[in-house]
Amino acid sequence: MTGRLVDAEAALLRARDLGFLGPGPIDRQVGHALGFARAWDSCSSDPPDSLVDLGSGGGLPGLVLAAEWPGTSVVLVESMVRRARFLGVIRDELDWPNLAVEARRAEELGRDPAYRGRVALVTARGFGPPAATAECGAPLLRLGGRLIVSEPPDDRDRWPEAPLATLGLLPEGRIRAPAGYIVLRQERLAPEGFPRRVGQPTKRPLF
Protein backbone atom coordinates (compact mmCIF):
# COMPACT_ATOMS: atom_id res chain seq x y z
CA MET A 1 0.00 0.00 0.00
CA THR A 2 1.38 3.41 -0.96
CA GLY A 3 1.98 6.14 1.57
CA ARG A 4 -0.98 8.12 0.25
CA LEU A 5 -3.28 5.12 0.64
CA VAL A 6 -2.01 4.62 4.20
CA ASP A 7 -2.89 8.25 4.94
CA ALA A 8 -6.31 7.82 3.33
CA GLU A 9 -6.98 4.71 5.41
CA ALA A 10 -6.08 6.59 8.60
CA ALA A 11 -8.55 9.32 7.66
CA LEU A 12 -11.24 6.72 6.98
CA LEU A 13 -10.69 5.17 10.40
CA ARG A 14 -11.41 8.58 11.92
CA ALA A 15 -14.51 8.90 9.75
CA ARG A 16 -15.75 5.53 10.96
CA ASP A 17 -15.19 6.53 14.60
CA LEU A 18 -17.37 9.59 13.97
CA GLY A 19 -20.13 7.46 12.44
CA PHE A 20 -19.61 8.72 8.89
CA LEU A 21 -18.82 5.21 7.59
CA GLY A 22 -20.34 1.80 8.23
CA PRO A 23 -18.81 -0.59 10.76
CA GLY A 24 -17.13 -2.90 8.23
CA PRO A 25 -13.35 -3.41 8.10
CA ILE A 26 -11.58 -0.41 6.59
CA ASP A 27 -9.46 -2.55 4.28
CA ARG A 28 -12.61 -3.94 2.65
CA GLN A 29 -14.02 -0.45 2.21
CA VAL A 30 -10.75 0.70 0.65
CA GLY A 31 -10.86 -2.32 -1.67
CA HIS A 32 -14.39 -1.43 -2.69
CA ALA A 33 -13.31 2.15 -3.41
CA LEU A 34 -10.40 0.92 -5.53
CA GLY A 35 -12.95 -1.07 -7.52
CA PHE A 36 -14.06 2.24 -9.04
CA ALA A 37 -10.53 2.62 -10.42
CA ARG A 38 -10.66 -0.88 -11.88
CA ALA A 39 -13.99 -0.03 -13.49
CA TRP A 40 -12.42 3.08 -15.03
CA ASP A 41 -9.53 0.93 -16.27
CA SER A 42 -12.05 -1.05 -18.32
CA CYS A 43 -12.72 2.17 -20.28
CA SER A 44 -9.32 3.85 -20.47
CA SER A 45 -5.63 3.04 -20.13
CA ASP A 46 -4.95 6.36 -18.37
CA PRO A 47 -6.39 7.80 -15.15
CA PRO A 48 -9.04 10.51 -15.58
CA ASP A 49 -7.86 14.09 -15.37
CA SER A 50 -10.87 15.09 -13.25
CA LEU A 51 -13.25 13.34 -10.87
CA VAL A 52 -16.28 14.45 -8.89
CA ASP A 53 -17.45 12.13 -6.10
CA LEU A 54 -21.13 12.60 -5.28
CA GLY A 55 -22.14 12.24 -1.63
CA SER A 56 -18.64 11.55 -0.36
CA GLY A 57 -19.77 11.17 3.27
CA GLY A 58 -16.73 9.97 5.21
CA GLY A 59 -14.54 10.02 2.10
CA LEU A 60 -15.49 6.99 0.04
CA PRO A 61 -14.61 6.40 -2.70
CA GLY A 62 -13.22 9.86 -3.51
CA LEU A 63 -10.51 10.05 -0.86
CA VAL A 64 -9.11 6.65 -1.85
CA LEU A 65 -9.19 7.56 -5.55
CA ALA A 66 -7.38 10.84 -4.82
CA ALA A 67 -4.66 8.76 -3.17
CA GLU A 68 -4.54 6.24 -6.02
CA TRP A 69 -4.49 8.91 -8.76
CA PRO A 70 -2.30 11.82 -7.56
CA GLY A 71 -2.51 13.47 -10.99
CA THR A 72 -6.31 13.52 -11.02
CA SER A 73 -8.22 16.56 -9.77
CA VAL A 74 -10.67 15.07 -7.24
CA VAL A 75 -13.62 16.97 -5.77
CA LEU A 76 -15.51 15.49 -2.81
CA VAL A 77 -19.12 16.69 -2.82
CA GLU A 78 -21.01 16.52 0.47
CA SER A 79 -24.00 18.60 1.52
CA MET A 80 -24.31 17.39 5.14
CA VAL A 81 -22.59 20.02 7.28
CA ARG A 82 -20.72 17.83 9.80
CA ARG A 83 -19.41 15.46 7.14
CA ALA A 84 -18.37 18.30 4.86
CA ARG A 85 -16.50 19.97 7.73
CA PHE A 86 -14.72 16.70 8.48
CA LEU A 87 -13.71 16.31 4.84
CA GLY A 88 -12.43 19.89 4.87
CA VAL A 89 -10.26 19.13 7.90
CA ILE A 90 -8.88 16.01 6.20
CA ARG A 91 -8.17 17.97 3.02
CA ASP A 92 -6.23 20.58 4.99
CA GLU A 93 -4.26 17.97 6.93
CA LEU A 94 -3.34 15.88 3.90
CA ASP A 95 -2.50 18.95 1.83
CA TRP A 96 -2.80 17.00 -1.42
CA PRO A 97 -2.79 19.41 -4.37
CA ASN A 98 -5.32 17.26 -6.25
CA LEU A 99 -7.99 17.19 -3.51
CA ALA A 100 -10.86 19.66 -2.99
CA VAL A 101 -14.17 19.67 -1.09
CA GLU A 102 -17.49 21.20 -2.16
CA ALA A 103 -19.94 21.58 0.71
CA ARG A 104 -23.13 21.91 -1.32
CA ARG A 105 -25.84 19.98 -3.11
CA ALA A 106 -25.02 18.06 -6.27
CA GLU A 107 -27.90 19.83 -8.06
CA GLU A 108 -26.17 23.16 -7.41
CA LEU A 109 -22.81 21.88 -8.59
CA GLY A 110 -24.36 20.63 -11.82
CA ARG A 111 -25.36 24.18 -12.73
CA ASP A 112 -22.01 25.74 -11.87
CA PRO A 113 -20.12 26.67 -15.08
CA ALA A 114 -16.87 25.67 -13.38
CA TYR A 115 -18.04 22.06 -13.34
CA ARG A 116 -20.89 21.64 -15.80
CA GLY A 117 -19.86 19.58 -18.81
CA ARG A 118 -16.19 19.55 -17.75
CA VAL A 119 -15.63 16.37 -15.72
CA ALA A 120 -14.12 13.10 -16.98
CA LEU A 121 -15.45 10.84 -14.20
CA VAL A 122 -18.29 11.06 -11.69
CA THR A 123 -18.46 8.42 -8.97
CA ALA A 124 -21.29 7.52 -6.61
CA ARG A 125 -21.33 5.06 -3.71
CA GLY A 126 -24.71 5.11 -1.99
CA PHE A 127 -25.48 8.64 -3.21
CA GLY A 128 -29.13 7.90 -3.97
CA PRO A 129 -31.51 5.98 -6.26
CA PRO A 130 -30.38 5.42 -9.85
CA ALA A 131 -32.59 8.17 -11.30
CA ALA A 132 -31.30 10.84 -8.91
CA THR A 133 -27.71 9.70 -9.33
CA ALA A 134 -27.98 9.85 -13.11
CA GLU A 135 -29.67 13.25 -13.12
CA CYS A 136 -27.10 14.79 -10.78
CA GLY A 137 -24.11 13.13 -12.42
CA ALA A 138 -24.81 13.59 -16.13
CA PRO A 139 -24.71 17.44 -16.22
CA LEU A 140 -21.19 17.39 -14.77
CA LEU A 141 -19.79 15.10 -17.44
CA ARG A 142 -18.15 16.19 -20.65
CA LEU A 143 -18.64 14.24 -23.87
CA GLY A 144 -17.19 10.78 -23.43
CA GLY A 145 -17.07 11.11 -19.65
CA ARG A 146 -18.22 8.28 -17.42
CA LEU A 147 -20.54 7.91 -14.48
CA ILE A 148 -19.53 4.88 -12.38
CA VAL A 149 -21.92 3.74 -9.67
CA SER A 150 -21.59 1.00 -7.09
CA GLU A 151 -24.31 -1.60 -7.57
CA PRO A 152 -26.15 -3.91 -5.12
CA PRO A 153 -25.38 -7.65 -5.33
CA ASP A 154 -28.63 -8.64 -7.08
CA ASP A 155 -29.01 -8.79 -10.86
CA ARG A 156 -31.82 -6.25 -11.28
CA ASP A 157 -31.52 -3.84 -14.17
CA ARG A 158 -31.93 -0.48 -12.46
CA TRP A 159 -30.73 1.63 -15.42
CA PRO A 160 -33.31 1.74 -18.26
CA GLU A 161 -31.85 3.05 -21.50
CA ALA A 162 -34.72 5.31 -22.64
CA PRO A 163 -34.83 7.71 -19.65
CA LEU A 164 -31.04 7.66 -19.40
CA ALA A 165 -30.89 8.80 -23.02
CA THR A 166 -32.81 11.96 -22.09
CA LEU A 167 -29.78 12.84 -19.93
CA GLY A 168 -27.32 11.93 -22.69
CA LEU A 169 -26.21 8.76 -20.91
CA LEU A 170 -25.69 5.29 -22.37
CA PRO A 171 -25.06 2.17 -20.23
CA GLU A 172 -21.64 0.89 -21.24
CA GLY A 173 -21.26 -2.20 -19.10
CA ARG A 174 -21.21 -3.84 -15.69
CA ILE A 175 -18.12 -5.19 -14.05
CA ARG A 176 -17.07 -6.87 -10.81
CA ALA A 177 -13.85 -5.52 -9.34
CA PRO A 178 -14.46 -6.94 -6.69
CA ALA A 179 -17.99 -5.64 -6.06
CA GLY A 180 -20.48 -4.67 -8.76
CA TYR A 181 -20.27 -1.40 -10.66
CA ILE A 182 -22.15 0.01 -13.63
CA VAL A 183 -20.41 2.27 -16.14
CA LEU A 184 -22.44 4.86 -18.07
CA ARG A 185 -20.99 6.96 -20.88
CA GLN A 186 -21.97 10.56 -21.65
CA GLU A 187 -22.88 10.33 -25.34
CA ARG A 188 -24.11 13.92 -25.55
CA LEU A 189 -24.14 16.79 -23.11
CA ALA A 190 -27.03 16.83 -20.65
CA PRO A 191 -29.89 19.16 -21.65
CA GLU A 192 -30.04 22.56 -19.97
CA GLY A 193 -33.11 21.58 -17.95
CA PHE A 194 -31.06 19.17 -15.83
CA PRO A 195 -30.44 18.85 -13.03
CA ARG A 196 -33.76 20.16 -11.81
CA ARG A 197 -33.92 22.27 -8.66
CA VAL A 198 -32.73 20.90 -5.34
CA GLY A 199 -34.70 17.87 -4.21
CA GLN A 200 -36.59 17.28 -7.45
CA PRO A 201 -34.41 14.43 -8.78
CA THR A 202 -35.39 12.37 -5.73
CA LYS A 203 -38.97 13.60 -5.20
CA ARG A 204 -39.93 13.30 -8.90
CA PRO A 205 -37.53 10.70 -10.36
CA LEU A 206 -37.22 10.31 -14.12
CA PHE A 207 -37.55 6.53 -13.79
C-alpha atoms as a PDB file:
ATOM      1  CA  MET A   1       0.000   0.000   0.000  1.00  0.00           C
ATOM      2  CA  THR A   2       1.375   3.408  -0.961  1.00  0.00           C
ATOM      3  CA  GLY A   3       1.977   6.141   1.575  1.00  0.00           C
ATOM      4  CA  ARG A   4      -0.977   8.117   0.246  1.00  0.00           C
ATOM      5  CA  LEU A   5      -3.279   5.124   0.645  1.00  0.00           C
ATOM      6  CA  VAL A   6      -2.013   4.621   4.195  1.00  0.00           C
ATOM      7  CA  ASP A   7      -2.890   8.249   4.939  1.00  0.00           C
ATOM      8  CA  ALA A   8      -6.311   7.817   3.333  1.00  0.00           C
ATOM      9  CA  GLU A   9      -6.975   4.711   5.408  1.00  0.00           C
ATOM     10  CA  ALA A  10      -6.083   6.586   8.604  1.00  0.00           C
ATOM     11  CA  ALA A  11      -8.552   9.319   7.662  1.00  0.00           C
ATOM     12  CA  LEU A  12     -11.243   6.723   6.983  1.00  0.00           C
ATOM     13  CA  LEU A  13     -10.689   5.173  10.404  1.00  0.00           C
ATOM     14  CA  ARG A  14     -11.412   8.579  11.917  1.00  0.00           C
ATOM     15  CA  ALA A  15     -14.511   8.898   9.747  1.00  0.00           C
ATOM     16  CA  ARG A  16     -15.754   5.526  10.959  1.00  0.00           C
ATOM     17  CA  ASP A  17     -15.192   6.528  14.604  1.00  0.00           C
ATOM     18  CA  LEU A  18     -17.373   9.593  13.967  1.00  0.00           C
ATOM     19  CA  GLY A  19     -20.132   7.461  12.442  1.00  0.00           C
ATOM     20  CA  PHE A  20     -19.614   8.716   8.891  1.00  0.00           C
ATOM     21  CA  LEU A  21     -18.822   5.211   7.595  1.00  0.00           C
ATOM     22  CA  GLY A  22     -20.340   1.798   8.228  1.00  0.00           C
ATOM     23  CA  PRO A  23     -18.808  -0.594  10.757  1.00  0.00           C
ATOM     24  CA  GLY A  24     -17.129  -2.899   8.226  1.00  0.00           C
ATOM     25  CA  PRO A  25     -13.348  -3.411   8.100  1.00  0.00           C
ATOM     26  CA  ILE A  26     -11.583  -0.412   6.588  1.00  0.00           C
ATOM     27  CA  ASP A  27      -9.458  -2.551   4.277  1.00  0.00           C
ATOM     28  CA  ARG A  28     -12.607  -3.937   2.654  1.00  0.00           C
ATOM     29  CA  GLN A  29     -14.017  -0.447   2.215  1.00  0.00           C
ATOM     30  CA  VAL A  30     -10.747   0.700   0.653  1.00  0.00           C
ATOM     31  CA  GLY A  31     -10.856  -2.320  -1.666  1.00  0.00           C
ATOM     32  CA  HIS A  32     -14.393  -1.435  -2.695  1.00  0.00           C
ATOM     33  CA  ALA A  33     -13.309   2.155  -3.412  1.00  0.00           C
ATOM     34  CA  LEU A  34     -10.403   0.919  -5.533  1.00  0.00           C
ATOM     35  CA  GLY A  35     -12.949  -1.068  -7.522  1.00  0.00           C
ATOM     36  CA  PHE A  36     -14.057   2.239  -9.044  1.00  0.00           C
ATOM     37  CA  ALA A  37     -10.531   2.624 -10.419  1.00  0.00           C
ATOM     38  CA  ARG A  38     -10.660  -0.880 -11.880  1.00  0.00           C
ATOM     39  CA  ALA A  39     -13.994  -0.029 -13.486  1.00  0.00           C
ATOM     40  CA  TRP A  40     -12.425   3.075 -15.029  1.00  0.00           C
ATOM     41  CA  ASP A  41      -9.531   0.933 -16.272  1.00  0.00           C
ATOM     42  CA  SER A  42     -12.050  -1.049 -18.322  1.00  0.00           C
ATOM     43  CA  CYS A  43     -12.715   2.175 -20.280  1.00  0.00           C
ATOM     44  CA  SER A  44      -9.317   3.846 -20.466  1.00  0.00           C
ATOM     45  CA  SER A  45      -5.627   3.040 -20.129  1.00  0.00           C
ATOM     46  CA  ASP A  46      -4.955   6.363 -18.373  1.00  0.00           C
ATOM     47  CA  PRO A  47      -6.387   7.801 -15.146  1.00  0.00           C
ATOM     48  CA  PRO A  48      -9.041  10.507 -15.584  1.00  0.00           C
ATOM     49  CA  ASP A  49      -7.855  14.093 -15.372  1.00  0.00           C
ATOM     50  CA  SER A  50     -10.866  15.089 -13.246  1.00  0.00           C
ATOM     51  CA  LEU A  51     -13.247  13.337 -10.869  1.00  0.00           C
ATOM     52  CA  VAL A  52     -16.276  14.448  -8.894  1.00  0.00           C
ATOM     53  CA  ASP A  53     -17.446  12.126  -6.103  1.00  0.00           C
ATOM     54  CA  LEU A  54     -21.132  12.600  -5.277  1.00  0.00           C
ATOM     55  CA  GLY A  55     -22.139  12.238  -1.633  1.00  0.00           C
ATOM     56  CA  SER A  56     -18.635  11.551  -0.357  1.00  0.00           C
ATOM     57  CA  GLY A  57     -19.770  11.174   3.269  1.00  0.00           C
ATOM     58  CA  GLY A  58     -16.734   9.967   5.207  1.00  0.00           C
ATOM     59  CA  GLY A  59     -14.542  10.024   2.102  1.00  0.00           C
ATOM     60  CA  LEU A  60     -15.488   6.986   0.036  1.00  0.00           C
ATOM     61  CA  PRO A  61     -14.607   6.401  -2.697  1.00  0.00           C
ATOM     62  CA  GLY A  62     -13.224   9.858  -3.508  1.00  0.00           C
ATOM     63  CA  LEU A  63     -10.508  10.050  -0.857  1.00  0.00           C
ATOM     64  CA  VAL A  64      -9.110   6.647  -1.851  1.00  0.00           C
ATOM     65  CA  LEU A  65      -9.195   7.561  -5.551  1.00  0.00           C
ATOM     66  CA  ALA A  66      -7.382  10.838  -4.818  1.00  0.00           C
ATOM     67  CA  ALA A  67      -4.657   8.759  -3.170  1.00  0.00           C
ATOM     68  CA  GLU A  68      -4.542   6.236  -6.024  1.00  0.00           C
ATOM     69  CA  TRP A  69      -4.494   8.910  -8.756  1.00  0.00           C
ATOM     70  CA  PRO A  70      -2.305  11.824  -7.559  1.00  0.00           C
ATOM     71  CA  GLY A  71      -2.505  13.472 -10.988  1.00  0.00           C
ATOM     72  CA  THR A  72      -6.308  13.520 -11.022  1.00  0.00           C
ATOM     73  CA  SER A  73      -8.217  16.559  -9.774  1.00  0.00           C
ATOM     74  CA  VAL A  74     -10.673  15.067  -7.236  1.00  0.00           C
ATOM     75  CA  VAL A  75     -13.623  16.966  -5.773  1.00  0.00           C
ATOM     76  CA  LEU A  76     -15.509  15.489  -2.812  1.00  0.00           C
ATOM     77  CA  VAL A  77     -19.121  16.695  -2.820  1.00  0.00           C
ATOM     78  CA  GLU A  78     -21.005  16.520   0.469  1.00  0.00           C
ATOM     79  CA  SER A  79     -24.001  18.598   1.524  1.00  0.00           C
ATOM     80  CA  MET A  80     -24.308  17.390   5.141  1.00  0.00           C
ATOM     81  CA  VAL A  81     -22.586  20.015   7.279  1.00  0.00           C
ATOM     82  CA  ARG A  82     -20.718  17.825   9.803  1.00  0.00           C
ATOM     83  CA  ARG A  83     -19.415  15.464   7.138  1.00  0.00           C
ATOM     84  CA  ALA A  84     -18.369  18.303   4.860  1.00  0.00           C
ATOM     85  CA  ARG A  85     -16.500  19.968   7.731  1.00  0.00           C
ATOM     86  CA  PHE A  86     -14.721  16.705   8.480  1.00  0.00           C
ATOM     87  CA  LEU A  87     -13.713  16.314   4.842  1.00  0.00           C
ATOM     88  CA  GLY A  88     -12.431  19.890   4.870  1.00  0.00           C
ATOM     89  CA  VAL A  89     -10.256  19.128   7.895  1.00  0.00           C
ATOM     90  CA  ILE A  90      -8.884  16.014   6.197  1.00  0.00           C
ATOM     91  CA  ARG A  91      -8.172  17.972   3.021  1.00  0.00           C
ATOM     92  CA  ASP A  92      -6.225  20.584   4.989  1.00  0.00           C
ATOM     93  CA  GLU A  93      -4.262  17.966   6.935  1.00  0.00           C
ATOM     94  CA  LEU A  94      -3.336  15.882   3.905  1.00  0.00           C
ATOM     95  CA  ASP A  95      -2.500  18.954   1.832  1.00  0.00           C
ATOM     96  CA  TRP A  96      -2.797  17.000  -1.417  1.00  0.00           C
ATOM     97  CA  PRO A  97      -2.792  19.406  -4.373  1.00  0.00           C
ATOM     98  CA  ASN A  98      -5.318  17.260  -6.246  1.00  0.00           C
ATOM     99  CA  LEU A  99      -7.991  17.186  -3.511  1.00  0.00           C
ATOM    100  CA  ALA A 100     -10.863  19.661  -2.994  1.00  0.00           C
ATOM    101  CA  VAL A 101     -14.167  19.670  -1.088  1.00  0.00           C
ATOM    102  CA  GLU A 102     -17.485  21.196  -2.164  1.00  0.00           C
ATOM    103  CA  ALA A 103     -19.941  21.585   0.713  1.00  0.00           C
ATOM    104  CA  ARG A 104     -23.127  21.911  -1.322  1.00  0.00           C
ATOM    105  CA  ARG A 105     -25.837  19.975  -3.110  1.00  0.00           C
ATOM    106  CA  ALA A 106     -25.020  18.063  -6.269  1.00  0.00           C
ATOM    107  CA  GLU A 107     -27.900  19.828  -8.058  1.00  0.00           C
ATOM    108  CA  GLU A 108     -26.166  23.162  -7.409  1.00  0.00           C
ATOM    109  CA  LEU A 109     -22.810  21.877  -8.589  1.00  0.00           C
ATOM    110  CA  GLY A 110     -24.357  20.626 -11.820  1.00  0.00           C
ATOM    111  CA  ARG A 111     -25.361  24.185 -12.732  1.00  0.00           C
ATOM    112  CA  ASP A 112     -22.008  25.740 -11.868  1.00  0.00           C
ATOM    113  CA  PRO A 113     -20.115  26.665 -15.080  1.00  0.00           C
ATOM    114  CA  ALA A 114     -16.866  25.674 -13.377  1.00  0.00           C
ATOM    115  CA  TYR A 115     -18.041  22.061 -13.337  1.00  0.00           C
ATOM    116  CA  ARG A 116     -20.888  21.636 -15.795  1.00  0.00           C
ATOM    117  CA  GLY A 117     -19.856  19.577 -18.813  1.00  0.00           C
ATOM    118  CA  ARG A 118     -16.192  19.549 -17.747  1.00  0.00           C
ATOM    119  CA  VAL A 119     -15.629  16.368 -15.717  1.00  0.00           C
ATOM    120  CA  ALA A 120     -14.119  13.097 -16.980  1.00  0.00           C
ATOM    121  CA  LEU A 121     -15.448  10.843 -14.202  1.00  0.00           C
ATOM    122  CA  VAL A 122     -18.286  11.063 -11.693  1.00  0.00           C
ATOM    123  CA  THR A 123     -18.461   8.416  -8.971  1.00  0.00           C
ATOM    124  CA  ALA A 124     -21.289   7.518  -6.606  1.00  0.00           C
ATOM    125  CA  ARG A 125     -21.333   5.062  -3.711  1.00  0.00           C
ATOM    126  CA  GLY A 126     -24.707   5.109  -1.991  1.00  0.00           C
ATOM    127  CA  PHE A 127     -25.484   8.635  -3.205  1.00  0.00           C
ATOM    128  CA  GLY A 128     -29.127   7.899  -3.973  1.00  0.00           C
ATOM    129  CA  PRO A 129     -31.514   5.981  -6.256  1.00  0.00           C
ATOM    130  CA  PRO A 130     -30.379   5.424  -9.850  1.00  0.00           C
ATOM    131  CA  ALA A 131     -32.587   8.167 -11.303  1.00  0.00           C
ATOM    132  CA  ALA A 132     -31.298  10.842  -8.906  1.00  0.00           C
ATOM    133  CA  THR A 133     -27.706   9.698  -9.325  1.00  0.00           C
ATOM    134  CA  ALA A 134     -27.976   9.852 -13.111  1.00  0.00           C
ATOM    135  CA  GLU A 135     -29.673  13.252 -13.119  1.00  0.00           C
ATOM    136  CA  CYS A 136     -27.097  14.786 -10.775  1.00  0.00           C
ATOM    137  CA  GLY A 137     -24.106  13.127 -12.417  1.00  0.00           C
ATOM    138  CA  ALA A 138     -24.805  13.594 -16.127  1.00  0.00           C
ATOM    139  CA  PRO A 139     -24.711  17.435 -16.219  1.00  0.00           C
ATOM    140  CA  LEU A 140     -21.189  17.395 -14.768  1.00  0.00           C
ATOM    141  CA  LEU A 141     -19.792  15.095 -17.443  1.00  0.00           C
ATOM    142  CA  ARG A 142     -18.149  16.186 -20.650  1.00  0.00           C
ATOM    143  CA  LEU A 143     -18.641  14.245 -23.871  1.00  0.00           C
ATOM    144  CA  GLY A 144     -17.186  10.777 -23.434  1.00  0.00           C
ATOM    145  CA  GLY A 145     -17.071  11.109 -19.653  1.00  0.00           C
ATOM    146  CA  ARG A 146     -18.216   8.276 -17.422  1.00  0.00           C
ATOM    147  CA  LEU A 147     -20.537   7.906 -14.476  1.00  0.00           C
ATOM    148  CA  ILE A 148     -19.528   4.882 -12.384  1.00  0.00           C
ATOM    149  CA  VAL A 149     -21.922   3.741  -9.674  1.00  0.00           C
ATOM    150  CA  SER A 150     -21.594   0.996  -7.089  1.00  0.00           C
ATOM    151  CA  GLU A 151     -24.313  -1.605  -7.573  1.00  0.00           C
ATOM    152  CA  PRO A 152     -26.149  -3.915  -5.120  1.00  0.00           C
ATOM    153  CA  PRO A 153     -25.380  -7.645  -5.333  1.00  0.00           C
ATOM    154  CA  ASP A 154     -28.625  -8.640  -7.082  1.00  0.00           C
ATOM    155  CA  ASP A 155     -29.013  -8.790 -10.863  1.00  0.00           C
ATOM    156  CA  ARG A 156     -31.819  -6.254 -11.281  1.00  0.00           C
ATOM    157  CA  ASP A 157     -31.516  -3.839 -14.171  1.00  0.00           C
ATOM    158  CA  ARG A 158     -31.932  -0.481 -12.458  1.00  0.00           C
ATOM    159  CA  TRP A 159     -30.731   1.628 -15.420  1.00  0.00           C
ATOM    160  CA  PRO A 160     -33.308   1.736 -18.263  1.00  0.00           C
ATOM    161  CA  GLU A 161     -31.852   3.055 -21.498  1.00  0.00           C
ATOM    162  CA  ALA A 162     -34.720   5.307 -22.636  1.00  0.00           C
ATOM    163  CA  PRO A 163     -34.830   7.707 -19.649  1.00  0.00           C
ATOM    164  CA  LEU A 164     -31.041   7.658 -19.397  1.00  0.00           C
ATOM    165  CA  ALA A 165     -30.895   8.797 -23.023  1.00  0.00           C
ATOM    166  CA  THR A 166     -32.814  11.960 -22.087  1.00  0.00           C
ATOM    167  CA  LEU A 167     -29.781  12.837 -19.928  1.00  0.00           C
ATOM    168  CA  GLY A 168     -27.320  11.931 -22.694  1.00  0.00           C
ATOM    169  CA  LEU A 169     -26.209   8.758 -20.913  1.00  0.00           C
ATOM    170  CA  LEU A 170     -25.689   5.293 -22.374  1.00  0.00           C
ATOM    171  CA  PRO A 171     -25.061   2.174 -20.233  1.00  0.00           C
ATOM    172  CA  GLU A 172     -21.636   0.886 -21.243  1.00  0.00           C
ATOM    173  CA  GLY A 173     -21.261  -2.204 -19.102  1.00  0.00           C
ATOM    174  CA  ARG A 174     -21.214  -3.840 -15.689  1.00  0.00           C
ATOM    175  CA  ILE A 175     -18.116  -5.194 -14.050  1.00  0.00           C
ATOM    176  CA  ARG A 176     -17.073  -6.873 -10.805  1.00  0.00           C
ATOM    177  CA  ALA A 177     -13.854  -5.520  -9.344  1.00  0.00           C
ATOM    178  CA  PRO A 178     -14.462  -6.941  -6.686  1.00  0.00           C
ATOM    179  CA  ALA A 179     -17.993  -5.640  -6.056  1.00  0.00           C
ATOM    180  CA  GLY A 180     -20.476  -4.672  -8.760  1.00  0.00           C
ATOM    181  CA  TYR A 181     -20.266  -1.395 -10.664  1.00  0.00           C
ATOM    182  CA  ILE A 182     -22.152   0.013 -13.630  1.00  0.00           C
ATOM    183  CA  VAL A 183     -20.411   2.273 -16.137  1.00  0.00           C
ATOM    184  CA  LEU A 184     -22.443   4.857 -18.070  1.00  0.00           C
ATOM    185  CA  ARG A 185     -20.993   6.961 -20.881  1.00  0.00           C
ATOM    186  CA  GLN A 186     -21.972  10.563 -21.652  1.00  0.00           C
ATOM    187  CA  GLU A 187     -22.882  10.327 -25.340  1.00  0.00           C
ATOM    188  CA  ARG A 188     -24.110  13.922 -25.546  1.00  0.00           C
ATOM    189  CA  LEU A 189     -24.136  16.791 -23.107  1.00  0.00           C
ATOM    190  CA  ALA A 190     -27.026  16.825 -20.650  1.00  0.00           C
ATOM    191  CA  PRO A 191     -29.885  19.160 -21.647  1.00  0.00           C
ATOM    192  CA  GLU A 192     -30.039  22.564 -19.966  1.00  0.00           C
ATOM    193  CA  GLY A 193     -33.106  21.575 -17.953  1.00  0.00           C
ATOM    194  CA  PHE A 194     -31.062  19.169 -15.834  1.00  0.00           C
ATOM    195  CA  PRO A 195     -30.439  18.846 -13.031  1.00  0.00           C
ATOM    196  CA  ARG A 196     -33.757  20.164 -11.812  1.00  0.00           C
ATOM    197  CA  ARG A 197     -33.920  22.274  -8.663  1.00  0.00           C
ATOM    198  CA  VAL A 198     -32.725  20.900  -5.339  1.00  0.00           C
ATOM    199  CA  GLY A 199     -34.703  17.867  -4.205  1.00  0.00           C
ATOM    200  CA  GLN A 200     -36.590  17.285  -7.452  1.00  0.00           C
ATOM    201  CA  PRO A 201     -34.408  14.431  -8.775  1.00  0.00           C
ATOM    202  CA  THR A 202     -35.388  12.370  -5.734  1.00  0.00           C
ATOM    203  CA  LYS A 203     -38.969  13.596  -5.200  1.00  0.00           C
ATOM    204  CA  ARG A 204     -39.927  13.299  -8.900  1.00  0.00           C
ATOM    205  CA  PRO A 205     -37.531  10.700 -10.357  1.00  0.00           C
ATOM    206  CA  LEU A 206     -37.224  10.314 -14.118  1.00  0.00           C
ATOM    207  CA  PHE A 207     -37.548   6.529 -13.786  1.00  0.00           C
END
